[in-house]
C-alpha atoms as a PDB file:
ATOM      1  CA  MET A   1      20.102  40.007 132.663  1.00  0.00           C
ATOM      2  CA  LYS A   2      17.169  38.269 134.469  1.00  0.00           C
ATOM      3  CA  GLN A   3      13.835  40.153 134.216  1.00  0.00           C
ATOM      4  CA  GLU A   4      11.234  39.701 136.924  1.00  0.00           C
ATOM      5  CA  LEU A   5       7.881  38.619 135.396  1.00  0.00           C
ATOM      6  CA  GLN A   6       4.631  40.017 136.815  1.00  0.00           C
ATOM      7  CA  THR A   7       2.000  37.387 137.574  1.00  0.00           C
ATOM      8  CA  GLU A   8      -0.938  39.622 136.736  1.00  0.00           C
ATOM      9  CA  PHE A   9      -1.656  42.141 134.140  1.00  0.00           C
ATOM     10  CA  PRO A  10      -3.237  45.405 135.319  1.00  0.00           C
ATOM     11  CA  GLN A  11      -6.157  44.961 132.866  1.00  0.00           C
ATOM     12  CA  GLU A  12      -8.289  42.106 131.869  1.00  0.00           C
ATOM     13  CA  ILE A  13      -7.152  40.438 128.660  1.00  0.00           C
ATOM     14  CA  LYS A  14     -10.120  39.208 126.537  1.00  0.00           C
ATOM     15  CA  SER A  15      -8.061  37.008 124.148  1.00  0.00           C
ATOM     16  CA  VAL A  16      -4.712  36.322 122.668  1.00  0.00           C
ATOM     17  CA  TYR A  17      -4.364  34.558 119.233  1.00  0.00           C
ATOM     18  CA  LEU A  18      -1.942  34.028 116.390  1.00  0.00           C
ATOM     19  CA  GLN A  19      -2.616  34.461 112.632  1.00  0.00           C
ATOM     20  CA  LYS A  20      -0.090  32.963 110.220  1.00  0.00           C
ATOM     21  CA  TRP A  21       0.428  34.608 106.892  1.00  0.00           C
ATOM     22  CA  ILE A  22       2.294  34.045 103.648  1.00  0.00           C
ATOM     23  CA  GLY A  23       3.389  36.479 101.037  1.00  0.00           C
ATOM     24  CA  GLY A  24       1.724  36.051  97.571  1.00  0.00           C
ATOM     25  CA  GLN A  25       4.871  35.933  95.531  1.00  0.00           C
ATOM     26  CA  LYS A  26       7.845  33.550  95.262  1.00  0.00           C
ATOM     27  CA  GLU A  27      10.755  34.661  97.353  1.00  0.00           C
ATOM     28  CA  THR A  28       8.511  36.677  99.718  1.00  0.00           C
ATOM     29  CA  ASP A  29       8.334  36.483 103.466  1.00  0.00           C
ATOM     30  CA  SER A  30       5.869  34.757 105.688  1.00  0.00           C
ATOM     31  CA  GLY A  31       5.269  35.053 109.305  1.00  0.00           C
ATOM     32  CA  THR A  32       2.939  35.206 112.310  1.00  0.00           C
ATOM     33  CA  ASP A  33       0.828  38.018 113.659  1.00  0.00           C
ATOM     34  CA  PHE A  34       0.362  38.006 117.368  1.00  0.00           C
ATOM     35  CA  TYR A  35      -2.815  39.698 118.629  1.00  0.00           C
ATOM     36  CA  ILE A  36      -3.800  40.856 122.053  1.00  0.00           C
ATOM     37  CA  GLU A  37      -7.361  41.946 122.698  1.00  0.00           C
ATOM     38  CA  PHE A  38      -8.495  43.622 125.955  1.00  0.00           C
ATOM     39  CA  LYS A  39     -11.913  43.650 127.366  1.00  0.00           C
ATOM     40  CA  LYS A  40     -11.731  47.489 127.797  1.00  0.00           C
ATOM     41  CA  ARG A  41      -9.746  50.277 126.289  1.00  0.00           C
ATOM     42  CA  LEU A  42      -6.157  50.193 127.528  1.00  0.00           C
ATOM     43  CA  SER A  43      -5.513  52.624 130.491  1.00  0.00           C
ATOM     44  CA  LYS A  44      -3.603  55.759 129.639  1.00  0.00           C
ATOM     45  CA  GLU A  45      -0.979  54.891 132.267  1.00  0.00           C
ATOM     46  CA  ILE A  46      -0.084  51.626 130.408  1.00  0.00           C
ATOM     47  CA  LYS A  47       1.978  51.575 127.142  1.00  0.00           C
ATOM     48  CA  LEU A  48       2.529  48.298 125.428  1.00  0.00           C
ATOM     49  CA  GLU A  49       6.057  48.026 124.161  1.00  0.00           C
ATOM     50  CA  LYS A  50       7.132  44.601 122.813  1.00  0.00           C
ATOM     51  CA  ILE A  51       6.276  40.872 122.643  1.00  0.00           C
ATOM     52  CA  TYR A  52       8.964  38.227 122.965  1.00  0.00           C
ATOM     53  CA  PHE A  53       7.831  35.049 121.235  1.00  0.00           C
ATOM     54  CA  ARG A  54       9.680  32.049 119.624  1.00  0.00           C
ATOM     55  CA  ASN A  55      13.182  33.641 120.144  1.00  0.00           C
ATOM     56  CA  GLN A  56      12.054  36.907 118.395  1.00  0.00           C
ATOM     57  CA  GLU A  57      10.822  40.284 119.568  1.00  0.00           C
ATOM     58  CA  SER A  58       8.394  42.649 117.923  1.00  0.00           C
ATOM     59  CA  ASN A  59       6.920  46.010 118.745  1.00  0.00           C
ATOM     60  CA  LEU A  60       3.166  46.194 119.330  1.00  0.00           C
ATOM     61  CA  GLU A  61       0.921  48.473 117.386  1.00  0.00           C
ATOM     62  CA  GLY A  62      -2.714  49.310 117.906  1.00  0.00           C
ATOM     63  CA  VAL A  63      -5.224  48.081 115.249  1.00  0.00           C
ATOM     64  CA  ALA A  64      -8.399  48.939 117.074  1.00  0.00           C
ATOM     65  CA  GLU A  65      -9.398  50.627 120.303  1.00  0.00           C
ATOM     66  CA  ASN A  66      -8.654  47.621 122.471  1.00  0.00           C
ATOM     67  CA  THR A  67      -6.643  45.372 120.075  1.00  0.00           C
ATOM     68  CA  PHE A  68      -2.954  45.218 119.398  1.00  0.00           C
ATOM     69  CA  VAL A  69      -0.706  43.290 117.100  1.00  0.00           C
ATOM     70  CA  ALA A  70       2.937  42.252 116.777  1.00  0.00           C
ATOM     71  CA  HIS A  71       4.369  41.101 113.422  1.00  0.00           C
ATOM     72  CA  PHE A  72       6.891  38.199 113.468  1.00  0.00           C
ATOM     73  CA  HIS A  73       8.608  37.768 110.076  1.00  0.00           C
ATOM     74  CA  GLN A  74      10.105  34.553 108.875  1.00  0.00           C
ATOM     75  CA  GLN A  75      12.357  34.943 105.854  1.00  0.00           C
ATOM     76  CA  ASN A  76      12.149  32.169 103.287  1.00  0.00           C
ATOM     77  CA  SER A  77      15.422  33.032 101.661  1.00  0.00           C
ATOM     78  CA  ILE A  78      18.495  30.751 102.259  1.00  0.00           C
ATOM     79  CA  PRO A  79      21.885  32.472 101.997  1.00  0.00           C
ATOM     80  CA  ASP A  80      24.062  31.138  99.211  1.00  0.00           C
ATOM     81  CA  LEU A  81      26.905  28.910 100.535  1.00  0.00           C
ATOM     82  CA  ILE A  82      29.986  27.705  98.706  1.00  0.00           C
ATOM     83  CA  LEU A  83      30.418  24.081  99.227  1.00  0.00           C
ATOM     84  CA  ASP A  84      33.529  22.429  97.983  1.00  0.00           C
ATOM     85  CA  SER A  85      35.903  19.632  98.787  1.00  0.00           C
ATOM     86  CA  ASP A  86      38.608  22.259  99.057  1.00  0.00           C
ATOM     87  CA  SER A  87      37.861  24.077 102.157  1.00  0.00           C
ATOM     88  CA  LEU A  88      39.851  27.092 101.090  1.00  0.00           C
ATOM     89  CA  LYS A  89      37.149  27.778  98.400  1.00  0.00           C
ATOM     90  CA  GLU A  90      34.550  27.890 101.188  1.00  0.00           C
ATOM     91  CA  TYR A  91      36.459  30.801 102.918  1.00  0.00           C
ATOM     92  CA  GLY A  92      33.900  33.418 101.995  1.00  0.00           C
ATOM     93  CA  ASN A  93      30.934  31.679 103.728  1.00  0.00           C
ATOM     94  CA  LYS A  94      29.737  33.577 106.750  1.00  0.00           C
ATOM     95  CA  ALA A  95      28.692  31.853 109.986  1.00  0.00           C
ATOM     96  CA  PRO A  96      25.125  32.322 110.973  1.00  0.00           C
ATOM     97  CA  VAL A  97      24.387  35.027 113.478  1.00  0.00           C
ATOM     98  CA  ILE A  98      22.568  33.403 116.389  1.00  0.00           C
ATOM     99  CA  LEU A  99      21.233  35.853 119.013  1.00  0.00           C
ATOM    100  CA  LYS A 100      20.558  34.818 122.562  1.00  0.00           C
ATOM    101  CA  PRO A 101      16.949  35.469 123.352  1.00  0.00           C
ATOM    102  CA  LYS A 102      16.114  37.754 126.181  1.00  0.00           C
ATOM    103  CA  PHE A 103      13.820  35.212 127.794  1.00  0.00           C
ATOM    104  CA  ASP A 104      14.013  31.405 127.816  1.00  0.00           C
ATOM    105  CA  LEU A 105      10.405  30.514 126.644  1.00  0.00           C
ATOM    106  CA  LYS A 106       8.721  27.438 125.401  1.00  0.00           C
ATOM    107  CA  PRO A 107       7.303  27.466 121.814  1.00  0.00           C
ATOM    108  CA  ASN A 108       3.790  28.326 123.086  1.00  0.00           C
ATOM    109  CA  GLU A 109       4.880  31.017 125.606  1.00  0.00           C
ATOM    110  CA  ALA A 110       5.312  34.774 125.207  1.00  0.00           C
ATOM    111  CA  VAL A 111       6.336  37.696 127.357  1.00  0.00           C
ATOM    112  CA  LEU A 112       4.691  41.095 127.088  1.00  0.00           C
ATOM    113  CA  GLU A 113       6.932  44.140 127.823  1.00  0.00           C
ATOM    114  CA  TYR A 114       4.891  47.147 128.867  1.00  0.00           C
ATOM    115  CA  LYS A 115       5.372  50.484 130.804  1.00  0.00           C
ATOM    116  CA  LYS A 116       3.126  51.529 133.715  1.00  0.00           C
ATOM    117  CA  MET A 117       3.695  55.220 134.483  1.00  0.00           C
ATOM    118  CA  ASP A 118       7.043  55.050 132.528  1.00  0.00           C
ATOM    119  CA  HIS A 119       8.283  52.004 134.658  1.00  0.00           C
ATOM    120  CA  PRO A 120       9.247  49.020 132.429  1.00  0.00           C
ATOM    121  CA  LEU A 121       7.411  45.746 133.484  1.00  0.00           C
ATOM    122  CA  PHE A 122       7.181  42.273 131.958  1.00  0.00           C
ATOM    123  CA  PHE A 123       4.101  39.926 131.987  1.00  0.00           C
END
């Protein structure tokens, strides 16, 4: 399903930045927080929904009057695999689940999904 991207957002964006984070314990997650800061408070007719970034999607949440964040988790755990010269012993291994992303993006690109007066749009 091809989504039509808007070339302009209805409000001026002050900045967009990333912040990487790492959990403090062994076996904990790490990830990236994706921030969007607007020059003015977001209009009441606009509701931010999701960010699509690096083959992942995440909901946006407000952290300040004009700043929103999406959290992208990267699990550090590697699933256990049975490796054996006898392929029958490897039978219980599960194939990785690879989801097709909604958008074909470069590593430094993102898509913002939002609703304007309950109409879904993409920027």
